[in-house]
Amino acid sequence: MADYREIHDSESEYSSDNAFSESEDEEIQTLPYQFEPIVRLDEGNSNNQADVIENEEPERSGNTNWCECENCRAMDTDRESICCNEIDSVKLKIEQYKEETATELSCITRHPGFQSVCLDRYVLETAYYQYRQQYGEVEHTNNERQRYVAYRQLARWCWGYLGKEVRVVLPSCAVNLIRSTFPSDVYKGFSDA
């Protein structure tokens, strides 16, 4: 096996024939950390821990300026304030329907599948039996249980199988239509597993 120096020396003899000369090779360099978030040191903190600078996006909670489908409502948190047209998996369902039927559709709640998968009481009842068999009884009022299963149905319909304790934020328009169909005095909102 040839030594590295021998190979390197023999290649340097032919550097004029190569597309890159040694001086051009020196200009090519790796730029580490170029995709890392910008940080600043908190001068008041004696531990000098870095704080990530937040995105400069305007606040989403409390308004619907971010809505593209015109069916969203103001949500309590920025994280929950998301339109169906901003979520790739949900937008894919909308696009598939448009291609299949050649009709315009701007919101997942207007999709005919949404009505049957997420709002039909009998479909939700059947889906709950499957849930109960796998995970056990849910001790809630009927509307709370229907709402919970409707959220699960929407996630299953748009994302398929997510895995145990994997959660996704559902679009505001869908959450609010499910809430108005199965009302309650108190709503929990999105929480991580």
Protein backbone atom coordinates (compact mmCIF):
# COMPACT_ATOMS: atom_id res chain seq x y z
CA MET A 1 0.00 0.00 0.00
CA ALA A 2 1.39 3.36 -1.01
CA ASP A 3 2.19 5.97 1.57
CA TYR A 4 0.05 9.16 1.54
CA ARG A 5 3.09 11.35 0.90
CA GLU A 6 4.07 9.31 -2.15
CA ILE A 7 0.57 9.65 -3.64
CA HIS A 8 0.38 13.35 -2.77
CA ASP A 9 3.83 14.03 -4.28
CA SER A 10 3.00 12.17 -7.47
CA GLU A 11 -0.28 14.08 -7.82
CA SER A 12 1.44 17.44 -7.34
CA GLU A 13 3.58 16.79 -10.44
CA TYR A 14 0.40 16.80 -12.52
CA SER A 15 -1.33 19.73 -10.84
CA SER A 16 -1.29 21.78 -14.02
CA ASP A 17 -3.38 19.05 -15.71
CA ASN A 18 -5.96 18.91 -12.91
CA ALA A 19 -9.08 21.07 -12.94
CA PHE A 20 -8.20 22.44 -9.49
CA SER A 21 -4.76 23.70 -8.69
CA GLU A 22 -3.39 23.70 -5.16
CA SER A 23 -4.24 27.37 -4.76
CA GLU A 24 -7.86 26.69 -5.73
CA ASP A 25 -7.99 23.75 -3.30
CA GLU A 26 -6.97 26.09 -0.51
CA GLU A 27 -9.97 28.33 -1.26
CA ILE A 28 -12.44 25.45 -0.81
CA GLN A 29 -13.19 25.14 2.86
CA THR A 30 -15.86 23.84 5.17
CA LEU A 31 -18.01 26.42 6.90
CA PRO A 32 -19.14 24.81 10.17
CA TYR A 33 -22.20 25.95 12.09
CA GLN A 34 -23.68 27.94 9.21
CA PHE A 35 -27.15 26.50 9.83
CA GLU A 36 -27.14 26.83 13.61
CA PRO A 37 -29.52 29.29 15.31
CA ILE A 38 -28.14 32.69 16.20
CA VAL A 39 -27.40 33.00 19.90
CA ARG A 40 -26.46 35.81 22.22
CA LEU A 41 -25.00 35.59 25.65
CA ASP A 42 -27.14 36.96 28.42
CA GLU A 43 -24.83 39.42 30.14
CA GLY A 44 -26.90 39.44 33.33
CA ASN A 45 -26.55 35.68 33.75
CA SER A 46 -23.49 34.63 35.74
CA ASN A 47 -23.52 31.18 34.05
CA ASN A 48 -23.24 32.77 30.58
CA GLN A 49 -25.93 30.49 29.18
CA ALA A 50 -26.94 31.23 25.59
CA ASP A 51 -30.49 32.26 24.75
CA VAL A 52 -31.76 31.52 21.27
CA ILE A 53 -33.04 34.64 19.56
CA GLU A 54 -36.68 34.13 18.67
CA ASN A 55 -38.03 34.38 15.14
CA GLU A 56 -39.10 37.87 14.22
CA GLU A 57 -42.54 36.66 13.03
CA PRO A 58 -45.49 38.66 14.32
CA GLU A 59 -47.58 37.09 17.04
CA ARG A 60 -50.24 34.72 15.77
CA SER A 61 -52.34 34.21 18.89
CA GLY A 62 -55.35 36.43 19.26
CA ASN A 63 -55.71 37.17 15.53
CA THR A 64 -56.23 35.42 12.17
CA ASN A 65 -53.80 37.39 9.98
CA TRP A 66 -51.98 34.12 9.27
CA CYS A 67 -55.07 32.28 7.95
CA GLU A 68 -55.08 31.36 4.26
CA CYS A 69 -58.35 29.39 4.09
CA GLU A 70 -60.57 32.08 5.67
CA ASN A 71 -62.07 29.58 8.13
CA CYS A 72 -59.60 29.79 11.00
CA ARG A 73 -60.34 31.47 14.31
CA ALA A 74 -58.03 33.15 16.79
CA MET A 75 -56.34 30.58 19.03
CA ASP A 76 -54.84 30.90 22.52
CA THR A 77 -51.24 30.15 21.54
CA ASP A 78 -48.98 30.88 18.58
CA ARG A 79 -48.32 27.17 18.19
CA GLU A 80 -52.03 26.38 17.76
CA SER A 81 -52.50 29.30 15.38
CA ILE A 82 -51.86 27.44 12.16
CA CYS A 83 -53.92 27.18 8.98
CA CYS A 84 -54.63 23.95 7.11
CA ASN A 85 -52.77 25.41 4.11
CA GLU A 86 -49.58 25.69 6.18
CA ILE A 87 -49.40 22.00 7.12
CA ASP A 88 -47.97 19.80 4.36
CA SER A 89 -49.90 16.62 5.25
CA VAL A 90 -53.21 18.46 5.38
CA LYS A 91 -52.48 20.51 2.28
CA LEU A 92 -51.72 17.25 0.45
CA LYS A 93 -55.28 16.03 1.19
CA ILE A 94 -56.66 19.26 -0.25
CA GLU A 95 -54.45 19.00 -3.37
CA GLN A 96 -55.39 15.33 -3.94
CA TYR A 97 -59.08 16.23 -3.85
CA LYS A 98 -58.53 19.09 -6.30
CA GLU A 99 -56.74 16.76 -8.73
CA GLU A 100 -59.36 14.01 -8.45
CA THR A 101 -62.40 16.24 -8.88
CA ALA A 102 -61.06 19.31 -10.70
CA THR A 103 -62.87 21.53 -8.19
CA GLU A 104 -61.46 24.33 -6.06
CA LEU A 105 -61.05 23.66 -2.38
CA SER A 106 -59.43 26.16 -0.04
CA CYS A 107 -59.94 24.50 3.35
CA ILE A 108 -59.74 20.98 4.76
CA THR A 109 -63.08 21.52 6.54
CA ARG A 110 -64.75 21.83 3.12
CA HIS A 111 -63.36 18.46 2.00
CA PRO A 112 -66.19 15.88 1.82
CA GLY A 113 -63.98 13.39 3.67
CA PHE A 114 -63.68 15.71 6.66
CA GLN A 115 -67.42 15.52 7.31
CA SER A 116 -67.53 11.74 7.28
CA VAL A 117 -64.17 11.04 8.97
CA CYS A 118 -64.20 13.71 11.67
CA LEU A 119 -67.78 14.86 12.26
CA ASP A 120 -70.03 11.82 11.70
CA ARG A 121 -71.14 10.58 15.15
CA TYR A 122 -71.45 6.98 14.01
CA VAL A 123 -67.97 6.88 12.49
CA LEU A 124 -66.58 8.44 15.67
CA GLU A 125 -68.43 5.94 17.82
CA THR A 126 -66.93 3.06 15.84
CA ALA A 127 -63.45 4.63 16.00
CA TYR A 128 -63.87 5.01 19.76
CA TYR A 129 -64.61 1.28 20.12
CA GLN A 130 -61.29 0.56 18.42
CA TYR A 131 -59.54 3.07 20.69
CA ARG A 132 -61.20 1.61 23.81
CA GLN A 133 -60.20 -1.92 22.85
CA GLN A 134 -56.58 -0.86 22.41
CA TYR A 135 -56.12 1.75 25.17
CA GLY A 136 -59.05 1.46 27.56
CA GLU A 137 -62.05 3.56 28.53
CA VAL A 138 -61.95 7.36 28.35
CA GLU A 139 -63.83 8.93 31.26
CA HIS A 140 -65.28 12.11 29.73
CA THR A 141 -68.64 13.48 28.69
CA ASN A 142 -69.98 12.29 25.36
CA ASN A 143 -69.01 15.51 23.53
CA GLU A 144 -65.50 15.52 25.01
CA ARG A 145 -65.01 11.92 23.92
CA GLN A 146 -66.38 12.65 20.43
CA ARG A 147 -64.07 15.65 20.12
CA TYR A 148 -61.06 13.63 21.27
CA VAL A 149 -61.77 10.86 18.76
CA ALA A 150 -62.43 13.43 16.00
CA TYR A 151 -58.96 14.94 16.59
CA ARG A 152 -57.44 11.45 16.42
CA GLN A 153 -59.38 10.69 13.25
CA LEU A 154 -58.13 13.89 11.59
CA ALA A 155 -54.54 13.02 12.50
CA ARG A 156 -54.94 9.45 11.21
CA TRP A 157 -56.62 10.64 7.99
CA CYS A 158 -53.97 13.24 7.16
CA TRP A 159 -50.76 11.79 8.66
CA GLY A 160 -51.49 8.06 8.75
CA TYR A 161 -49.82 6.24 11.64
CA LEU A 162 -47.80 8.61 13.83
CA GLY A 163 -46.58 6.25 16.53
CA LYS A 164 -47.12 6.04 20.24
CA GLU A 165 -47.23 9.41 22.02
CA VAL A 166 -46.44 11.34 18.83
CA ARG A 167 -48.66 14.38 18.50
CA VAL A 168 -49.13 16.98 15.81
CA VAL A 169 -50.71 20.41 15.90
CA LEU A 170 -54.03 20.36 14.08
CA PRO A 171 -55.18 23.30 11.95
CA SER A 172 -57.27 25.96 13.65
CA CYS A 173 -60.12 25.69 11.15
CA ALA A 174 -60.53 21.96 11.81
CA VAL A 175 -60.19 22.27 15.60
CA ASN A 176 -62.82 25.00 15.73
CA LEU A 177 -65.31 23.13 13.53
CA ILE A 178 -64.89 20.01 15.69
CA ARG A 179 -65.31 22.14 18.83
CA SER A 180 -68.50 23.75 17.50
CA THR A 181 -69.91 20.34 16.50
CA PHE A 182 -69.12 18.81 19.90
CA PRO A 183 -69.19 21.82 22.28
CA SER A 184 -67.96 21.98 25.85
CA ASP A 185 -67.50 24.62 28.52
CA VAL A 186 -63.73 24.10 28.72
CA TYR A 187 -61.19 23.30 26.02
CA LYS A 188 -57.72 22.03 26.80
CA GLY A 189 -55.73 23.04 23.69
CA PHE A 190 -52.63 21.35 22.31
CA SER A 191 -50.13 19.74 24.67
CA ASP A 192 -47.05 17.62 24.04
CA ALA A 193 -47.10 13.94 24.90
